[in-house]
PDB file of N, CA and C in Angstrom:
ATOM      1  N   UNK A   1      76.800  69.562 113.748  1.00  0.00           N
ATOM      2  CA  UNK A   1      76.951  71.005 113.742  1.00  0.00           C
ATOM      3  C   UNK A   1      77.642  71.392 112.431  1.00  0.00           C
ATOM      4  N   UNK A   2      77.061  72.334 111.683  1.00  0.00           N
ATOM      5  CA  UNK A   2      77.667  72.709 110.406  1.00  0.00           C
ATOM      6  C   UNK A   2      78.469  73.992 110.548  1.00  0.00           C
ATOM      7  N   UNK A   3      79.503  74.074 109.765  1.00  0.00           N
ATOM      8  CA  UNK A   3      80.388  75.230 109.747  1.00  0.00           C
ATOM      9  C   UNK A   3      80.041  76.076 108.527  1.00  0.00           C
ATOM     10  N   UNK A   4      79.696  77.336 108.742  1.00  0.00           N
ATOM     11  CA  UNK A   4      79.294  78.195 107.629  1.00  0.00           C
ATOM     12  C   UNK A   4      80.400  78.374 106.602  1.00  0.00           C
ATOM     13  N   UNK A   5      81.657  78.243 107.002  1.00  0.00           N
ATOM     14  CA  UNK A   5      82.768  78.420 106.078  1.00  0.00           C
ATOM     15  C   UNK A   5      83.157  77.122 105.379  1.00  0.00           C
ATOM     16  N   UNK A   6      82.494  76.030 105.716  1.00  0.00           N
ATOM     17  CA  UNK A   6      82.830  74.745 105.119  1.00  0.00           C
ATOM     18  C   UNK A   6      82.180  74.625 103.753  1.00  0.00           C
ATOM     19  N   UNK A   7      82.935  74.099 102.789  1.00  0.00           N
ATOM     20  CA  UNK A   7      82.380  73.902 101.464  1.00  0.00           C
ATOM     21  C   UNK A   7      82.032  72.442 101.217  1.00  0.00           C
ATOM     22  N   UNK A   8      82.076  71.598 102.242  1.00  0.00           N
ATOM     23  CA  UNK A   8      81.855  70.167 102.062  1.00  0.00           C
ATOM     24  C   UNK A   8      80.418  69.847 101.651  1.00  0.00           C
ATOM     25  N   UNK A   9      79.462  70.714 101.955  1.00  0.00           N
ATOM     26  CA  UNK A   9      78.069  70.471 101.591  1.00  0.00           C
ATOM     27  C   UNK A   9      77.700  71.067 100.248  1.00  0.00           C
ATOM     28  N   UNK A  10      78.618  71.791  99.639  1.00  0.00           N
ATOM     29  CA  UNK A  10      78.346  72.414  98.351  1.00  0.00           C
ATOM     30  C   UNK A  10      78.487  71.381  97.245  1.00  0.00           C
ATOM     31  N   UNK A  11      77.597  71.418  96.241  1.00  0.00           N
ATOM     32  CA  UNK A  11      77.771  70.492  95.117  1.00  0.00           C
ATOM     33  C   UNK A  11      79.043  70.850  94.342  1.00  0.00           C
ATOM     34  N   UNK A  12      79.735  69.832  93.869  1.00  0.00           N
ATOM     35  CA  UNK A  12      80.961  70.053  93.103  1.00  0.00           C
ATOM     36  C   UNK A  12      80.583  70.268  91.640  1.00  0.00           C
ATOM     37  N   UNK A  13      81.144  71.325  91.042  1.00  0.00           N
ATOM     38  CA  UNK A  13      80.873  71.625  89.635  1.00  0.00           C
ATOM     39  C   UNK A  13      82.185  71.637  88.865  1.00  0.00           C
ATOM     40  N   UNK A  14      82.235  70.849  87.817  1.00  0.00           N
ATOM     41  CA  UNK A  14      83.411  70.850  86.955  1.00  0.00           C
ATOM     42  C   UNK A  14      84.571  70.079  87.549  1.00  0.00           C
ATOM     43  N   UNK A  15      85.614  70.013  86.751  1.00  0.00           N
ATOM     44  CA  UNK A  15      86.830  69.324  87.169  1.00  0.00           C
ATOM     45  C   UNK A  15      87.495  70.101  88.304  1.00  0.00           C
ATOM     46  N   UNK A  16      88.098  69.393  89.234  1.00  0.00           N
ATOM     47  CA  UNK A  16      88.766  70.098  90.335  1.00  0.00           C
ATOM     48  C   UNK A  16      90.151  70.592  89.938  1.00  0.00           C
ATOM     49  N   UNK A  17      90.529  71.717  90.506  1.00  0.00           N
ATOM     50  CA  UNK A  17      91.897  72.223  90.409  1.00  0.00           C
ATOM     51  C   UNK A  17      92.709  71.609  91.537  1.00  0.00           C
ATOM     52  N   UNK A  18      93.995  71.453  91.315  1.00  0.00           N
ATOM     53  CA  UNK A  18      94.885  71.247  92.451  1.00  0.00           C
ATOM     54  C   UNK A  18      95.181  72.657  92.965  1.00  0.00           C
ATOM     55  N   UNK A  19      95.608  72.773  94.187  1.00  0.00           N
ATOM     56  CA  UNK A  19      95.925  74.083  94.748  1.00  0.00           C
ATOM     57  C   UNK A  19      97.002  74.777  93.915  1.00  0.00           C
ATOM     58  N   UNK A  20      97.997  74.017  93.472  1.00  0.00           N
ATOM     59  CA  UNK A  20      99.096  74.585  92.684  1.00  0.00           C
ATOM     60  C   UNK A  20      98.611  75.095  91.332  1.00  0.00           C
ATOM     61  N   UNK A  21      97.726  74.325  90.669  1.00  0.00           N
ATOM     62  CA  UNK A  21      97.180  74.768  89.381  1.00  0.00           C
ATOM     63  C   UNK A  21      96.427  76.083  89.529  1.00  0.00           C
ATOM     64  N   UNK A  22      95.581  76.156  90.551  1.00  0.00           N
ATOM     65  CA  UNK A  22      94.799  77.362  90.799  1.00  0.00           C
ATOM     66  C   UNK A  22      95.710  78.560  91.063  1.00  0.00           C
ATOM     67  N   UNK A  23      96.695  78.366  91.896  1.00  0.00           N
ATOM     68  CA  UNK A  23      97.628  79.441  92.234  1.00  0.00           C
ATOM     69  C   UNK A  23      98.367  79.926  90.994  1.00  0.00           C
ATOM     70  N   UNK A  24      98.858  79.019  90.174  1.00  0.00           N
ATOM     71  CA  UNK A  24      99.607  79.398  88.977  1.00  0.00           C
ATOM     72  C   UNK A  24      98.719  80.037  87.921  1.00  0.00           C
ATOM     73  N   UNK A  25      97.558  79.453  87.689  1.00  0.00           N
ATOM     74  CA  UNK A  25      96.678  79.958  86.629  1.00  0.00           C
ATOM     75  C   UNK A  25      96.263  81.393  86.897  1.00  0.00           C
ATOM     76  N   UNK A  26      96.045  81.736  88.156  1.00  0.00           N
ATOM     77  CA  UNK A  26      95.553  83.070  88.491  1.00  0.00           C
ATOM     78  C   UNK A  26      96.622  83.949  89.132  1.00  0.00           C
ATOM     79  N   UNK A  27      97.867  83.491  89.092  1.00  0.00           N
ATOM     80  CA  UNK A  27      99.009  84.266  89.573  1.00  0.00           C
ATOM     81  C   UNK A  27      98.769  84.809  90.985  1.00  0.00           C
ATOM     82  N   UNK A  28      98.440  83.877  91.900  1.00  0.00           N
ATOM     83  CA  UNK A  28      98.127  84.236  93.275  1.00  0.00           C
ATOM     84  C   UNK A  28      99.283  83.893  94.208  1.00  0.00           C
ATOM     85  N   UNK A  29      99.339  84.575  95.332  1.00  0.00           N
ATOM     86  CA  UNK A  29     100.291  84.194  96.362  1.00  0.00           C
ATOM     87  C   UNK A  29      99.790  82.891  96.990  1.00  0.00           C
ATOM     88  N   UNK A  30     100.677  82.118  97.584  1.00  0.00           N
ATOM     89  CA  UNK A  30     100.232  80.866  98.222  1.00  0.00           C
ATOM     90  C   UNK A  30      99.155  81.095  99.283  1.00  0.00           C
ATOM     91  N   UNK A  31      99.282  82.158 100.049  1.00  0.00           N
ATOM     92  CA  UNK A  31      98.313  82.429 101.116  1.00  0.00           C
ATOM     93  C   UNK A  31      96.925  82.722 100.550  1.00  0.00           C
ATOM     94  N   UNK A  32      96.844  83.553  99.528  1.00  0.00           N
ATOM     95  CA  UNK A  32      95.554  83.899  98.919  1.00  0.00           C
ATOM     96  C   UNK A  32      94.941  82.667  98.266  1.00  0.00           C
ATOM     97  N   UNK A  33      95.747  81.911  97.544  1.00  0.00           N
ATOM     98  CA  UNK A  33      95.238  80.706  96.882  1.00  0.00           C
ATOM     99  C   UNK A  33      94.680  79.718  97.898  1.00  0.00           C
ATOM    100  N   UNK A  34      95.406  79.483  98.989  1.00  0.00           N
ATOM    101  CA  UNK A  34      94.930  78.562 100.037  1.00  0.00           C
ATOM    102  C   UNK A  34      93.613  79.042 100.644  1.00  0.00           C
ATOM    103  N   UNK A  35      93.514  80.335 100.918  1.00  0.00           N
ATOM    104  CA  UNK A  35      92.303  80.891 101.515  1.00  0.00           C
ATOM    105  C   UNK A  35      91.096  80.700 100.596  1.00  0.00           C
ATOM    106  N   UNK A  36      91.237  81.062  99.329  1.00  0.00           N
ATOM    107  CA  UNK A  36      90.119  80.928  98.385  1.00  0.00           C
ATOM    108  C   UNK A  36      89.776  79.461  98.150  1.00  0.00           C
ATOM    109  N   UNK A  37      90.772  78.627  98.047  1.00  0.00           N
ATOM    110  CA  UNK A  37      90.568  77.192  97.838  1.00  0.00           C
ATOM    111  C   UNK A  37      89.803  76.603  99.021  1.00  0.00           C
ATOM    112  N   UNK A  38      90.163  76.991 100.223  1.00  0.00           N
ATOM    113  CA  UNK A  38      89.490  76.483 101.425  1.00  0.00           C
ATOM    114  C   UNK A  38      88.051  76.975 101.507  1.00  0.00           C
ATOM    115  N   UNK A  39      87.820  78.224 101.130  1.00  0.00           N
ATOM    116  CA  UNK A  39      86.470  78.792 101.242  1.00  0.00           C
ATOM    117  C   UNK A  39      85.537  78.362 100.130  1.00  0.00           C
ATOM    118  N   UNK A  40      86.058  78.160  98.909  1.00  0.00           N
ATOM    119  CA  UNK A  40      85.189  77.905  97.765  1.00  0.00           C
ATOM    120  C   UNK A  40      85.338  76.522  97.153  1.00  0.00           C
ATOM    121  N   UNK A  41      86.289  75.732  97.643  1.00  0.00           N
ATOM    122  CA  UNK A  41      86.455  74.384  97.143  1.00  0.00           C
ATOM    123  C   UNK A  41      87.292  74.329  95.879  1.00  0.00           C
ATOM    124  N   UNK A  42      87.508  73.108  95.366  1.00  0.00           N
ATOM    125  CA  UNK A  42      88.427  72.921  94.244  1.00  0.00           C
ATOM    126  C   UNK A  42      87.805  73.044  92.853  1.00  0.00           C
ATOM    127  N   UNK A  43      86.503  73.323  92.754  1.00  0.00           N
ATOM    128  CA  UNK A  43      85.855  73.368  91.449  1.00  0.00           C
ATOM    129  C   UNK A  43      86.473  74.433  90.546  1.00  0.00           C
ATOM    130  N   UNK A  44      87.023  73.988  89.411  1.00  0.00           N
ATOM    131  CA  UNK A  44      87.637  74.924  88.462  1.00  0.00           C
ATOM    132  C   UNK A  44      86.612  75.928  87.951  1.00  0.00           C
ATOM    133  N   UNK A  45      85.396  75.484  87.705  1.00  0.00           N
ATOM    134  CA  UNK A  45      84.348  76.385  87.205  1.00  0.00           C
ATOM    135  C   UNK A  45      84.067  77.488  88.221  1.00  0.00           C
ATOM    136  N   UNK A  46      83.841  77.097  89.462  1.00  0.00           N
ATOM    137  CA  UNK A  46      83.510  78.095  90.482  1.00  0.00           C
ATOM    138  C   UNK A  46      84.669  79.038  90.780  1.00  0.00           C
ATOM    139  N   UNK A  47      85.878  78.491  90.848  1.00  0.00           N
ATOM    140  CA  UNK A  47      87.034  79.346  91.127  1.00  0.00           C
ATOM    141  C   UNK A  47      87.311  80.298  89.964  1.00  0.00           C
ATOM    142  N   UNK A  48      87.166  79.826  88.723  1.00  0.00           N
ATOM    143  CA  UNK A  48      87.362  80.708  87.571  1.00  0.00           C
ATOM    144  C   UNK A  48      86.298  81.805  87.535  1.00  0.00           C
ATOM    145  N   UNK A  49      85.064  81.445  87.867  1.00  0.00           N
ATOM    146  CA  UNK A  49      83.999  82.457  87.934  1.00  0.00           C
ATOM    147  C   UNK A  49      84.292  83.481  89.024  1.00  0.00           C
ATOM    148  N   UNK A  50      84.751  83.006  90.164  1.00  0.00           N
ATOM    149  CA  UNK A  50      85.101  83.902  91.264  1.00  0.00           C
ATOM    150  C   UNK A  50      86.196  84.869  90.828  1.00  0.00           C
ATOM    151  N   UNK A  51      87.242  84.337  90.221  1.00  0.00           N
ATOM    152  CA  UNK A  51      88.359  85.183  89.809  1.00  0.00           C
ATOM    153  C   UNK A  51      87.934  86.144  88.707  1.00  0.00           C
ATOM    154  N   UNK A  52      87.038  85.700  87.844  1.00  0.00           N
ATOM    155  CA  UNK A  52      86.515  86.578  86.797  1.00  0.00           C
ATOM    156  C   UNK A  52      85.729  87.725  87.422  1.00  0.00           C
ATOM    157  N   UNK A  53      84.946  87.404  88.432  1.00  0.00           N
ATOM    158  CA  UNK A  53      84.178  88.440  89.123  1.00  0.00           C
ATOM    159  C   UNK A  53      85.101  89.427  89.834  1.00  0.00           C
ATOM    160  N   UNK A  54      86.236  88.936  90.272  1.00  0.00           N
ATOM    161  CA  UNK A  54      87.217  89.799  90.928  1.00  0.00           C
ATOM    162  C   UNK A  54      88.099  90.499  89.887  1.00  0.00           C
ATOM    163  N   UNK A  55      87.821  90.213  88.615  1.00  0.00           N
ATOM    164  CA  UNK A  55      88.578  90.756  87.479  1.00  0.00           C
ATOM    165  C   UNK A  55      90.053  90.363  87.532  1.00  0.00           C
ATOM    166  N   UNK A  56      90.291  89.155  87.987  1.00  0.00           N
ATOM    167  CA  UNK A  56      91.642  88.602  88.035  1.00  0.00           C
ATOM    168  C   UNK A  56      91.703  87.547  86.946  1.00  0.00           C
ATOM    169  N   UNK A  57      92.262  87.894  85.801  1.00  0.00           N
ATOM    170  CA  UNK A  57      92.289  86.977  84.666  1.00  0.00           C
ATOM    171  C   UNK A  57      93.487  86.032  84.768  1.00  0.00           C
ATOM    172  N   UNK A  58      93.357  84.843  84.159  1.00  0.00           N
ATOM    173  CA  UNK A  58      94.485  83.901  84.193  1.00  0.00           C
ATOM    174  C   UNK A  58      95.720  84.489  83.524  1.00  0.00           C
ATOM    175  N   UNK A  59      96.876  84.038  83.954  1.00  0.00           N
ATOM    176  CA  UNK A  59      98.122  84.493  83.350  1.00  0.00           C
ATOM    177  C   UNK A  59      98.212  83.984  81.914  1.00  0.00           C
ATOM    178  N   UNK A  60      98.915  84.709  81.057  1.00  0.00           N
ATOM    179  CA  UNK A  60      99.042  84.358  79.651  1.00  0.00           C
ATOM    180  C   UNK A  60      99.653  82.972  79.472  1.00  0.00           C
ATOM    181  N   UNK A  61     100.623  82.637  80.290  1.00  0.00           N
ATOM    182  CA  UNK A  61     101.253  81.327  80.189  1.00  0.00           C
ATOM    183  C   UNK A  61     100.274  80.192  80.413  1.00  0.00           C
ATOM    184  N   UNK A  62      99.382  80.346  81.356  1.00  0.00           N
ATOM    185  CA  UNK A  62      98.405  79.296  81.636  1.00  0.00           C
ATOM    186  C   UNK A  62      97.358  79.206  80.527  1.00  0.00           C
ATOM    187  N   UNK A  63      96.991  80.338  79.950  1.00  0.00           N
ATOM    188  CA  UNK A  63      96.036  80.327  78.847  1.00  0.00           C
ATOM    189  C   UNK A  63      96.659  79.612  77.648  1.00  0.00           C
ATOM    190  N   UNK A  64      97.900  79.949  77.325  1.00  0.00           N
ATOM    191  CA  UNK A  64      98.584  79.346  76.178  1.00  0.00           C
ATOM    192  C   UNK A  64      98.771  77.853  76.385  1.00  0.00           C
ATOM    193  N   UNK A  65      98.984  77.440  77.621  1.00  0.00           N
ATOM    194  CA  UNK A  65      99.180  76.011  77.907  1.00  0.00           C
ATOM    195  C   UNK A  65      97.935  75.191  77.609  1.00  0.00           C
ATOM    196  N   UNK A  66      96.761  75.834  77.681  1.00  0.00           N
ATOM    197  CA  UNK A  66      95.505  75.135  77.426  1.00  0.00           C
ATOM    198  C   UNK A  66      95.310  74.791  75.955  1.00  0.00           C
ATOM    199  N   UNK A  67      96.067  75.422  75.065  1.00  0.00           N
ATOM    200  CA  UNK A  67      95.932  75.195  73.638  1.00  0.00           C
ATOM    201  C   UNK A  67      97.041  74.286  73.134  1.00  0.00           C
ATOM    202  N   UNK A  68      96.636  73.295  72.342  1.00  0.00           N
ATOM    203  CA  UNK A  68      97.636  72.418  71.732  1.00  0.00           C
ATOM    204  C   UNK A  68      98.076  73.022  70.425  1.00  0.00           C
ATOM    205  N   UNK A  69      99.356  72.957  70.153  1.00  0.00           N
ATOM    206  CA  UNK A  69      99.891  73.466  68.880  1.00  0.00           C
ATOM    207  C   UNK A  69     100.235  72.330  67.956  1.00  0.00           C
TER     208      UNK A  69
END
């Protein structure tokens, strides 16, 4: 029996986020981050696309951390 809310059958795209990374990068509350992570899986590509569609851009600190100085 399959669960429509389960993401286990979805193909994984890109490197996975940890729940903490996702929450920090998009400045989310723990509850919202857990909900989205559970519904859409850990794929950084898919979660970033989702947040972009929701017009929720990553925090400046997380963007700056991605660049080496």
